[in-house]
Amino acid sequence: MEFPFDVIQPDLLPQISTSKNQVKDILTKLDSTKSTSVDGISARVLKECAGELSYPLTLLFNLSIQIGKVPVSWKRANITPVFKSDAKEKNENYRPIS
């Protein structure tokens, strides 16, 4: 896996880590009605496979924190402008949703 971008302040990361139980807890609380992200994996799949996925994801997250780098795909999102109010012609009347 290629990590082309460094974390801005890697000296702040050494004390941070996550556990298998923390990752599993987050996965089991995902809203399965939400759309998929750029990876194409649905929240339903992540939620239903939380027990199996929590260990490898924990290793991946902790390694990323330890070396101070994250994959580019973790920094990507599909941005959709959502109208707030007033004139639809003005850009400032929209907020971004990823």
PDB file of N, CA and C in Angstrom:
ATOM      1  N   MET A   1       0.852  -1.181   0.000  1.00  0.00           N
ATOM      2  CA  MET A   1       0.000   0.000   0.000  1.00  0.00           C
ATOM      3  C   MET A   1       0.890   1.234   0.000  1.00  0.00           C
ATOM      4  N   GLU A   2       0.603   2.146  -0.885  1.00  0.00           N
ATOM      5  CA  GLU A   2       1.388   3.371  -1.028  1.00  0.00           C
ATOM      6  C   GLU A   2       0.866   4.462  -0.097  1.00  0.00           C
ATOM      7  N   PHE A   3       1.753   5.157   0.602  1.00  0.00           N
ATOM      8  CA  PHE A   3       1.405   6.254   1.497  1.00  0.00           C
ATOM      9  C   PHE A   3       2.134   7.510   1.034  1.00  0.00           C
ATOM     10  N   PRO A   4       1.648   8.201  -0.006  1.00  0.00           N
ATOM     11  CA  PRO A   4       2.386   9.338  -0.542  1.00  0.00           C
ATOM     12  C   PRO A   4       2.342  10.613   0.276  1.00  0.00           C
ATOM     13  N   PHE A   5       1.413  10.754   1.204  1.00  0.00           N
ATOM     14  CA  PHE A   5       1.334  11.987   1.975  1.00  0.00           C
ATOM     15  C   PHE A   5       1.625  11.717   3.441  1.00  0.00           C
ATOM     16  N   ASP A   6       2.464  12.560   4.038  1.00  0.00           N
ATOM     17  CA  ASP A   6       2.776  12.450   5.456  1.00  0.00           C
ATOM     18  C   ASP A   6       1.745  13.209   6.288  1.00  0.00           C
ATOM     19  N   VAL A   7       1.587  12.794   7.516  1.00  0.00           N
ATOM     20  CA  VAL A   7       0.769  13.532   8.466  1.00  0.00           C
ATOM     21  C   VAL A   7       1.510  14.813   8.804  1.00  0.00           C
ATOM     22  N   ILE A   8       0.799  15.910   8.995  1.00  0.00           N
ATOM     23  CA  ILE A   8       1.425  17.216   9.187  1.00  0.00           C
ATOM     24  C   ILE A   8       2.303  17.268  10.433  1.00  0.00           C
ATOM     25  N   GLN A   9       1.843  16.724  11.576  1.00  0.00           N
ATOM     26  CA  GLN A   9       2.617  16.762  12.814  1.00  0.00           C
ATOM     27  C   GLN A   9       2.755  15.345  13.387  1.00  0.00           C
ATOM     28  N   PRO A  10       3.626  14.518  12.801  1.00  0.00           N
ATOM     29  CA  PRO A  10       3.738  13.129  13.247  1.00  0.00           C
ATOM     30  C   PRO A  10       4.228  12.972  14.683  1.00  0.00           C
ATOM     31  N   ASP A  11       4.888  13.993  15.256  1.00  0.00           N
ATOM     32  CA  ASP A  11       5.376  13.900  16.631  1.00  0.00           C
ATOM     33  C   ASP A  11       4.228  13.858  17.646  1.00  0.00           C
ATOM     34  N   LEU A  12       3.028  14.219  17.235  1.00  0.00           N
ATOM     35  CA  LEU A  12       1.876  14.175  18.126  1.00  0.00           C
ATOM     36  C   LEU A  12       1.203  12.797  18.149  1.00  0.00           C
ATOM     37  N   LEU A  13       1.600  11.899  17.260  1.00  0.00           N
ATOM     38  CA  LEU A  13       0.907  10.630  17.095  1.00  0.00           C
ATOM     39  C   LEU A  13       1.369   9.465  17.962  1.00  0.00           C
ATOM     40  N   PRO A  14       2.589   9.402  18.482  1.00  0.00           N
ATOM     41  CA  PRO A  14       3.058   8.184  19.149  1.00  0.00           C
ATOM     42  C   PRO A  14       2.197   7.682  20.303  1.00  0.00           C
ATOM     43  N   GLN A  15       1.482   8.556  20.962  1.00  0.00           N
ATOM     44  CA  GLN A  15       0.671   8.144  22.109  1.00  0.00           C
ATOM     45  C   GLN A  15      -0.733   7.698  21.712  1.00  0.00           C
ATOM     46  N   ILE A  16      -1.062   7.773  20.452  1.00  0.00           N
ATOM     47  CA  ILE A  16      -2.405   7.432  19.986  1.00  0.00           C
ATOM     48  C   ILE A  16      -2.423   6.002  19.466  1.00  0.00           C
ATOM     49  N   SER A  17      -3.442   5.258  19.853  1.00  0.00           N
ATOM     50  CA  SER A  17      -3.675   3.929  19.299  1.00  0.00           C
ATOM     51  C   SER A  17      -5.141   3.587  19.501  1.00  0.00           C
ATOM     52  N   THR A  18      -5.573   2.537  18.864  1.00  0.00           N
ATOM     53  CA  THR A  18      -6.942   2.074  19.016  1.00  0.00           C
ATOM     54  C   THR A  18      -6.930   0.592  19.323  1.00  0.00           C
ATOM     55  N   SER A  19      -8.035   0.079  19.809  1.00  0.00           N
ATOM     56  CA  SER A  19      -8.116  -1.339  20.142  1.00  0.00           C
ATOM     57  C   SER A  19      -9.145  -2.017  19.239  1.00  0.00           C
ATOM     58  N   LYS A  20      -9.068  -3.326  19.199  1.00  0.00           N
ATOM     59  CA  LYS A  20     -10.005  -4.118  18.414  1.00  0.00           C
ATOM     60  C   LYS A  20     -11.437  -3.852  18.880  1.00  0.00           C
ATOM     61  N   ASN A  21     -11.643  -3.754  20.182  1.00  0.00           N
ATOM     62  CA  ASN A  21     -12.987  -3.503  20.705  1.00  0.00           C
ATOM     63  C   ASN A  21     -13.508  -2.124  20.312  1.00  0.00           C
ATOM     64  N   GLN A  22     -12.633  -1.126  20.289  1.00  0.00           N
ATOM     65  CA  GLN A  22     -13.053   0.212  19.879  1.00  0.00           C
ATOM     66  C   GLN A  22     -13.489   0.216  18.415  1.00  0.00           C
ATOM     67  N   VAL A  23     -12.687  -0.431  17.572  1.00  0.00           N
ATOM     68  CA  VAL A  23     -13.011  -0.490  16.148  1.00  0.00           C
ATOM     69  C   VAL A  23     -14.316  -1.264  15.940  1.00  0.00           C
ATOM     70  N   LYS A  24     -14.453  -2.393  16.608  1.00  0.00           N
ATOM     71  CA  LYS A  24     -15.677  -3.198  16.487  1.00  0.00           C
ATOM     72  C   LYS A  24     -16.894  -2.395  16.939  1.00  0.00           C
ATOM     73  N   ASP A  25     -16.758  -1.663  18.027  1.00  0.00           N
ATOM     74  CA  ASP A  25     -17.864  -0.850  18.539  1.00  0.00           C
ATOM     75  C   ASP A  25     -18.289   0.200  17.517  1.00  0.00           C
ATOM     76  N   ILE A  26     -17.339   0.846  16.888  1.00  0.00           N
ATOM     77  CA  ILE A  26     -17.641   1.858  15.871  1.00  0.00           C
ATOM     78  C   ILE A  26     -18.327   1.216  14.667  1.00  0.00           C
ATOM     79  N   LEU A  27     -17.813   0.079  14.226  1.00  0.00           N
ATOM     80  CA  LEU A  27     -18.403  -0.595  13.074  1.00  0.00           C
ATOM     81  C   LEU A  27     -19.838  -1.040  13.347  1.00  0.00           C
ATOM     82  N   THR A  28     -20.102  -1.534  14.535  1.00  0.00           N
ATOM     83  CA  THR A  28     -21.452  -2.011  14.852  1.00  0.00           C
ATOM     84  C   THR A  28     -22.457  -0.868  15.000  1.00  0.00           C
ATOM     85  N   LYS A  29     -21.965   0.348  15.179  1.00  0.00           N
ATOM     86  CA  LYS A  29     -22.853   1.513  15.318  1.00  0.00           C
ATOM     87  C   LYS A  29     -23.061   2.269  14.002  1.00  0.00           C
ATOM     88  N   LEU A  30     -22.480   1.773  12.910  1.00  0.00           N
ATOM     89  CA  LEU A  30     -22.652   2.451  11.631  1.00  0.00           C
ATOM     90  C   LEU A  30     -24.117   2.435  11.208  1.00  0.00           C
ATOM     91  N   ASP A  31     -24.541   3.502  10.554  1.00  0.00           N
ATOM     92  CA  ASP A  31     -25.903   3.604  10.043  1.00  0.00           C
ATOM     93  C   ASP A  31     -25.957   2.914   8.684  1.00  0.00           C
ATOM     94  N   SER A  32     -26.600   1.766   8.632  1.00  0.00           N
ATOM     95  CA  SER A  32     -26.627   0.974   7.401  1.00  0.00           C
ATOM     96  C   SER A  32     -27.521   1.580   6.315  1.00  0.00           C
ATOM     97  N   THR A  33     -28.219   2.667   6.616  1.00  0.00           N
ATOM     98  CA  THR A  33     -29.035   3.328   5.592  1.00  0.00           C
ATOM     99  C   THR A  33     -28.239   4.381   4.818  1.00  0.00           C
ATOM    100  N   LYS A  34     -27.021   4.680   5.258  1.00  0.00           N
ATOM    101  CA  LYS A  34     -26.192   5.682   4.586  1.00  0.00           C
ATOM    102  C   LYS A  34     -25.598   5.089   3.310  1.00  0.00           C
ATOM    103  N   SER A  35     -25.275   5.966   2.373  1.00  0.00           N
ATOM    104  CA  SER A  35     -24.677   5.521   1.115  1.00  0.00           C
ATOM    105  C   SER A  35     -23.223   5.119   1.318  1.00  0.00           C
ATOM    106  N   THR A  36     -22.682   4.419   0.334  1.00  0.00           N
ATOM    107  CA  THR A  36     -21.290   3.974   0.413  1.00  0.00           C
ATOM    108  C   THR A  36     -20.350   5.149   0.201  1.00  0.00           C
ATOM    109  N   SER A  37     -19.111   4.984   0.660  1.00  0.00           N
ATOM    110  CA  SER A  37     -18.105   6.027   0.450  1.00  0.00           C
ATOM    111  C   SER A  37     -17.335   5.713  -0.825  1.00  0.00           C
ATOM    112  N   VAL A  38     -16.208   6.370  -1.025  1.00  0.00           N
ATOM    113  CA  VAL A  38     -15.431   6.191  -2.249  1.00  0.00           C
ATOM    114  C   VAL A  38     -14.902   4.769  -2.413  1.00  0.00           C
ATOM    115  N   ASP A  39     -14.801   3.998  -1.318  1.00  0.00           N
ATOM    116  CA  ASP A  39     -14.314   2.625  -1.428  1.00  0.00           C
ATOM    117  C   ASP A  39     -15.382   1.656  -1.923  1.00  0.00           C
ATOM    118  N   GLY A  40     -16.644   2.083  -1.939  1.00  0.00           N
ATOM    119  CA  GLY A  40     -17.725   1.249  -2.441  1.00  0.00           C
ATOM    120  C   GLY A  40     -18.214   0.189  -1.468  1.00  0.00           C
ATOM    121  N   ILE A  41     -17.705   0.188  -0.240  1.00  0.00           N
ATOM    122  CA  ILE A  41     -18.125  -0.797   0.754  1.00  0.00           C
ATOM    123  C   ILE A  41     -19.277  -0.211   1.557  1.00  0.00           C
ATOM    124  N   SER A  42     -20.397  -0.916   1.572  1.00  0.00           N
ATOM    125  CA  SER A  42     -21.572  -0.384   2.269  1.00  0.00           C
ATOM    126  C   SER A  42     -21.405  -0.496   3.785  1.00  0.00           C
ATOM    127  N   ALA A  43     -22.062   0.416   4.483  1.00  0.00           N
ATOM    128  CA  ALA A  43     -22.044   0.379   5.941  1.00  0.00           C
ATOM    129  C   ALA A  43     -22.665  -0.912   6.450  1.00  0.00           C
ATOM    130  N   ARG A  44     -23.617  -1.447   5.725  1.00  0.00           N
ATOM    131  CA  ARG A  44     -24.249  -2.717   6.118  1.00  0.00           C
ATOM    132  C   ARG A  44     -23.234  -3.851   6.162  1.00  0.00           C
ATOM    133  N   VAL A  45     -22.379  -3.934   5.151  1.00  0.00           N
ATOM    134  CA  VAL A  45     -21.349  -4.976   5.120  1.00  0.00           C
ATOM    135  C   VAL A  45     -20.368  -4.785   6.270  1.00  0.00           C
ATOM    136  N   LEU A  46     -19.916  -3.558   6.477  1.00  0.00           N
ATOM    137  CA  LEU A  46     -18.986  -3.271   7.577  1.00  0.00           C
ATOM    138  C   LEU A  46     -19.606  -3.625   8.925  1.00  0.00           C
ATOM    139  N   LYS A  47     -20.874  -3.303   9.079  1.00  0.00           N
ATOM    140  CA  LYS A  47     -21.574  -3.562  10.332  1.00  0.00           C
ATOM    141  C   LYS A  47     -21.738  -5.069  10.563  1.00  0.00           C
ATOM    142  N   GLU A  48     -22.170  -5.780   9.546  1.00  0.00           N
ATOM    143  CA  GLU A  48     -22.404  -7.217   9.676  1.00  0.00           C
ATOM    144  C   GLU A  48     -21.108  -8.011   9.832  1.00  0.00           C
ATOM    145  N   CYS A  49     -20.011  -7.472   9.334  1.00  0.00           N
ATOM    146  CA  CYS A  49     -18.713  -8.164   9.414  1.00  0.00           C
ATOM    147  C   CYS A  49     -17.798  -7.531  10.458  1.00  0.00           C
ATOM    148  N   ALA A  50     -18.349  -6.776  11.382  1.00  0.00           N
ATOM    149  CA  ALA A  50     -17.556  -6.050  12.375  1.00  0.00           C
ATOM    150  C   ALA A  50     -16.608  -6.956  13.141  1.00  0.00           C
ATOM    151  N   GLY A  51     -17.072  -8.127  13.550  1.00  0.00           N
ATOM    152  CA  GLY A  51     -16.226  -9.050  14.309  1.00  0.00           C
ATOM    153  C   GLY A  51     -15.011  -9.503  13.520  1.00  0.00           C
ATOM    154  N   GLU A  52     -15.205  -9.807  12.256  1.00  0.00           N
ATOM    155  CA  GLU A  52     -14.113 -10.282  11.402  1.00  0.00           C
ATOM    156  C   GLU A  52     -13.189  -9.162  10.953  1.00  0.00           C
ATOM    157  N   LEU A  53     -13.742  -7.973  10.744  1.00  0.00           N
ATOM    158  CA  LEU A  53     -12.947  -6.862  10.222  1.00  0.00           C
ATOM    159  C   LEU A  53     -12.224  -6.054  11.294  1.00  0.00           C
ATOM    160  N   SER A  54     -12.675  -6.145  12.527  1.00  0.00           N
ATOM    161  CA  SER A  54     -12.109  -5.277  13.568  1.00  0.00           C
ATOM    162  C   SER A  54     -10.615  -5.513  13.789  1.00  0.00           C
ATOM    163  N   TYR A  55     -10.150  -6.755  13.756  1.00  0.00           N
ATOM    164  CA  TYR A  55      -8.726  -7.020  13.995  1.00  0.00           C
ATOM    165  C   TYR A  55      -7.840  -6.469  12.866  1.00  0.00           C
ATOM    166  N   PRO A  56      -8.090  -6.820  11.585  1.00  0.00           N
ATOM    167  CA  PRO A  56      -7.212  -6.262  10.540  1.00  0.00           C
ATOM    168  C   PRO A  56      -7.293  -4.742  10.427  1.00  0.00           C
ATOM    169  N   LEU A  57      -8.479  -4.170  10.647  1.00  0.00           N
ATOM    170  CA  LEU A  57      -8.596  -2.718  10.593  1.00  0.00           C
ATOM    171  C   LEU A  57      -7.837  -2.053  11.740  1.00  0.00           C
ATOM    172  N   THR A  58      -7.864  -2.673  12.911  1.00  0.00           N
ATOM    173  CA  THR A  58      -7.101  -2.143  14.055  1.00  0.00           C
ATOM    174  C   THR A  58      -5.614  -2.133  13.732  1.00  0.00           C
ATOM    175  N   LEU A  59      -5.105  -3.220  13.153  1.00  0.00           N
ATOM    176  CA  LEU A  59      -3.690  -3.273  12.758  1.00  0.00           C
ATOM    177  C   LEU A  59      -3.369  -2.165  11.757  1.00  0.00           C
ATOM    178  N   LEU A  60      -4.233  -2.006  10.773  1.00  0.00           N
ATOM    179  CA  LEU A  60      -4.021  -0.991   9.746  1.00  0.00           C
ATOM    180  C   LEU A  60      -4.039   0.423  10.326  1.00  0.00           C
ATOM    181  N   PHE A  61      -5.028   0.712  11.165  1.00  0.00           N
ATOM    182  CA  PHE A  61      -5.127   2.047  11.765  1.00  0.00           C
ATOM    183  C   PHE A  61      -3.916   2.343  12.651  1.00  0.00           C
ATOM    184  N   ASN A  62      -3.538   1.389  13.485  1.00  0.00           N
ATOM    185  CA  ASN A  62      -2.405   1.610  14.392  1.00  0.00           C
ATOM    186  C   ASN A  62      -1.087   1.748  13.638  1.00  0.00           C
ATOM    187  N   LEU A  63      -0.907   0.980  12.576  1.00  0.00           N
ATOM    188  CA  LEU A  63       0.304   1.112  11.760  1.00  0.00           C
ATOM    189  C   LEU A  63       0.347   2.491  11.104  1.00  0.00           C
ATOM    190  N   SER A  64      -0.765   2.927  10.584  1.00  0.00           N
ATOM    191  CA  SER A  64      -0.833   4.238   9.950  1.00  0.00           C
ATOM    192  C   SER A  64      -0.473   5.340  10.943  1.00  0.00           C
ATOM    193  N   ILE A  65      -1.010   5.237  12.156  1.00  0.00           N
ATOM    194  CA  ILE A  65      -0.692   6.233  13.191  1.00  0.00           C
ATOM    195  C   ILE A  65       0.781   6.147  13.584  1.00  0.00           C
ATOM    196  N   GLN A  66       1.287   4.928  13.730  1.00  0.00           N
ATOM    197  CA  GLN A  66       2.675   4.723  14.170  1.00  0.00           C
ATOM    198  C   GLN A  66       3.681   5.303  13.178  1.00  0.00           C
ATOM    199  N   ILE A  67       3.447   5.106  11.882  1.00  0.00           N
ATOM    200  CA  ILE A  67       4.406   5.607  10.892  1.00  0.00           C
ATOM    201  C   ILE A  67       4.089   7.047  10.461  1.00  0.00           C
ATOM    202  N   GLY A  68       2.931   7.561  10.883  1.00  0.00           N
ATOM    203  CA  GLY A  68       2.591   8.946  10.586  1.00  0.00           C
ATOM    204  C   GLY A  68       2.172   9.196   9.162  1.00  0.00           C
ATOM    205  N   LYS A  69       1.608   8.182   8.509  1.00  0.00           N
ATOM    206  CA  LYS A  69       1.148   8.331   7.128  1.00  0.00           C
ATOM    207  C   LYS A  69      -0.217   7.680   6.971  1.00  0.00           C
ATOM    208  N   VAL A  70      -1.010   8.248   6.069  1.00  0.00           N
ATOM    209  CA  VAL A  70      -2.320   7.677   5.773  1.00  0.00           C
ATOM    210  C   VAL A  70      -2.470   7.526   4.263  1.00  0.00           C
ATOM    211  N   PRO A  71      -3.218   6.521   3.832  1.00  0.00           N
ATOM    212  CA  PRO A  71      -3.447   6.362   2.384  1.00  0.00           C
ATOM    213  C   PRO A  71      -4.211   7.558   1.817  1.00  0.00           C
ATOM    214  N   VAL A  72      -3.919   7.889   0.591  1.00  0.00           N
ATOM    215  CA  VAL A  72      -4.573   9.007  -0.073  1.00  0.00           C
ATOM    216  C   VAL A  72      -6.088   8.812  -0.083  1.00  0.00           C
ATOM    217  N   SER A  73      -6.538   7.582  -0.266  1.00  0.00           N
ATOM    218  CA  SER A  73      -7.983   7.321  -0.350  1.00  0.00           C
ATOM    219  C   SER A  73      -8.708   7.687   0.941  1.00  0.00           C
ATOM    220  N   TRP A  74      -8.009   7.715   2.081  1.00  0.00           N
ATOM    221  CA  TRP A  74      -8.633   8.108   3.344  1.00  0.00           C
ATOM    222  C   TRP A  74      -8.887   9.608   3.389  1.00  0.00           C
ATOM    223  N   LYS A  75      -8.276  10.331   2.471  1.00  0.00           N
ATOM    224  CA  LYS A  75      -8.421  11.779   2.446  1.00  0.00           C
ATOM    225  C   LYS A  75      -9.406  12.238   1.372  1.00  0.00           C
ATOM    226  N   ARG A  76      -9.979  11.291   0.646  1.00  0.00           N
ATOM    227  CA  ARG A  76     -10.902  11.624  -0.426  1.00  0.00           C
ATOM    228  C   ARG A  76     -12.338  11.502   0.042  1.00  0.00           C
ATOM    229  N   ALA A  77     -13.187  12.318  -0.575  1.00  0.00           N
ATOM    230  CA  ALA A  77     -14.619  12.246  -0.293  1.00  0.00           C
ATOM    231  C   ALA A  77     -15.380  12.772  -1.501  1.00  0.00           C
ATOM    232  N   ASN A  78     -16.578  12.297  -1.668  1.00  0.00           N
ATOM    233  CA  ASN A  78     -17.479  12.842  -2.683  1.00  0.00           C
ATOM    234  C   ASN A  78     -18.241  13.980  -2.028  1.00  0.00           C
ATOM    235  N   ILE A  79     -18.064  15.190  -2.540  1.00  0.00           N
ATOM    236  CA  ILE A  79     -18.693  16.378  -1.960  1.00  0.00           C
ATOM    237  C   ILE A  79     -19.938  16.735  -2.776  1.00  0.00           C
ATOM    238  N   THR A  80     -21.037  16.939  -2.072  1.00  0.00           N
ATOM    239  CA  THR A  80     -22.290  17.329  -2.698  1.00  0.00           C
ATOM    240  C   THR A  80     -22.774  18.623  -2.053  1.00  0.00           C
ATOM    241  N   PRO A  81     -23.054  19.644  -2.853  1.00  0.00           N
ATOM    242  CA  PRO A  81     -23.585  20.885  -2.271  1.00  0.00           C
ATOM    243  C   PRO A  81     -25.055  20.698  -1.905  1.00  0.00           C
ATOM    244  N   VAL A  82     -25.404  21.075  -0.687  1.00  0.00           N
ATOM    245  CA  VAL A  82     -26.782  20.973  -0.206  1.00  0.00           C
ATOM    246  C   VAL A  82     -27.315  22.384   0.046  1.00  0.00           C
ATOM    247  N   PHE A  83     -28.424  22.680  -0.563  1.00  0.00           N
ATOM    248  CA  PHE A  83     -29.030  24.005  -0.452  1.00  0.00           C
ATOM    249  C   PHE A  83     -29.506  24.254   0.976  1.00  0.00           C
ATOM    250  N   LYS A  84     -29.208  25.473   1.497  1.00  0.00           N
ATOM    251  CA  LYS A  84     -29.638  25.857   2.845  1.00  0.00           C
ATOM    252  C   LYS A  84     -30.916  26.689   2.774  1.00  0.00           C
ATOM    253  N   SER A  85     -30.804  27.891   2.208  1.00  0.00           N
ATOM    254  CA  SER A  85     -31.971  28.776   2.128  1.00  0.00           C
ATOM    255  C   SER A  85     -31.670  29.958   1.220  1.00  0.00           C
ATOM    256  N   ASP A  86     -32.656  30.812   1.025  1.00  0.00           N
ATOM    257  CA  ASP A  86     -32.562  32.027   0.216  1.00  0.00           C
ATOM    258  C   ASP A  86     -32.384  31.717  -1.270  1.00  0.00           C
ATOM    259  N   ALA A  87     -31.605  32.556  -1.953  1.00  0.00           N
ATOM    260  CA  ALA A  87     -31.461  32.440  -3.408  1.00  0.00           C
ATOM    261  C   ALA A  87     -30.577  31.244  -3.794  1.00  0.00           C
ATOM    262  N   LYS A  88     -31.115  30.411  -4.670  1.00  0.00           N
ATOM    263  CA  LYS A  88     -30.363  29.224  -5.104  1.00  0.00           C
ATOM    264  C   LYS A  88     -29.188  29.583  -6.023  1.00  0.00           C
ATOM    265  N   GLU A  89     -29.156  30.805  -6.527  1.00  0.00           N
ATOM    266  CA  GLU A  89     -28.092  31.230  -7.439  1.00  0.00           C
ATOM    267  C   GLU A  89     -26.797  31.578  -6.705  1.00  0.00           C
ATOM    268  N   LYS A  90     -26.847  31.785  -5.393  1.00  0.00           N
ATOM    269  CA  LYS A  90     -25.660  32.192  -4.625  1.00  0.00           C
ATOM    270  C   LYS A  90     -24.964  30.985  -4.010  1.00  0.00           C
ATOM    271  N   ASN A  91     -23.664  30.895  -4.249  1.00  0.00           N
ATOM    272  CA  ASN A  91     -22.873  29.781  -3.722  1.00  0.00           C
ATOM    273  C   ASN A  91     -22.890  29.701  -2.200  1.00  0.00           C
ATOM    274  N   GLU A  92     -22.941  30.845  -1.536  1.00  0.00           N
ATOM    275  CA  GLU A  92     -22.887  30.852  -0.077  1.00  0.00           C
ATOM    276  C   GLU A  92     -24.149  30.274   0.569  1.00  0.00           C
ATOM    277  N   ASN A  93     -25.174  30.008  -0.213  1.00  0.00           N
ATOM    278  CA  ASN A  93     -26.400  29.405   0.303  1.00  0.00           C
ATOM    279  C   ASN A  93     -26.392  27.877   0.242  1.00  0.00           C
ATOM    280  N   TYR A  94     -25.211  27.323   0.037  1.00  0.00           N
ATOM    281  CA  TYR A  94     -25.040  25.873  -0.011  1.00  0.00           C
ATOM    282  C   TYR A  94     -23.989  25.454   1.012  1.00  0.00           C
ATOM    283  N   ARG A  95     -24.149  24.257   1.545  1.00  0.00           N
ATOM    284  CA  ARG A  95     -23.138  23.706   2.445  1.00  0.00           C
ATOM    285  C   ARG A  95     -22.665  22.377   1.874  1.00  0.00           C
ATOM    286  N   PRO A  96     -21.401  22.054   2.066  1.00  0.00           N
ATOM    287  CA  PRO A  96     -20.871  20.804   1.518  1.00  0.00           C
ATOM    288  C   PRO A  96     -21.187  19.611   2.420  1.00  0.00           C
ATOM    289  N   ILE A  97     -21.522  18.512   1.814  1.00  0.00           N
ATOM    290  CA  ILE A  97     -21.736  17.243   2.524  1.00  0.00           C
ATOM    291  C   ILE A  97     -20.822  16.226   1.852  1.00  0.00           C
ATOM    292  N   SER A  98     -20.097  15.486   2.659  1.00  0.00           N
ATOM    293  CA  SER A  98     -19.231  14.455   2.073  1.00  0.00           C
ATOM    294  C   SER A  98     -19.772  13.082   2.382  1.00  0.00           C
TER     295      SER A  98
END
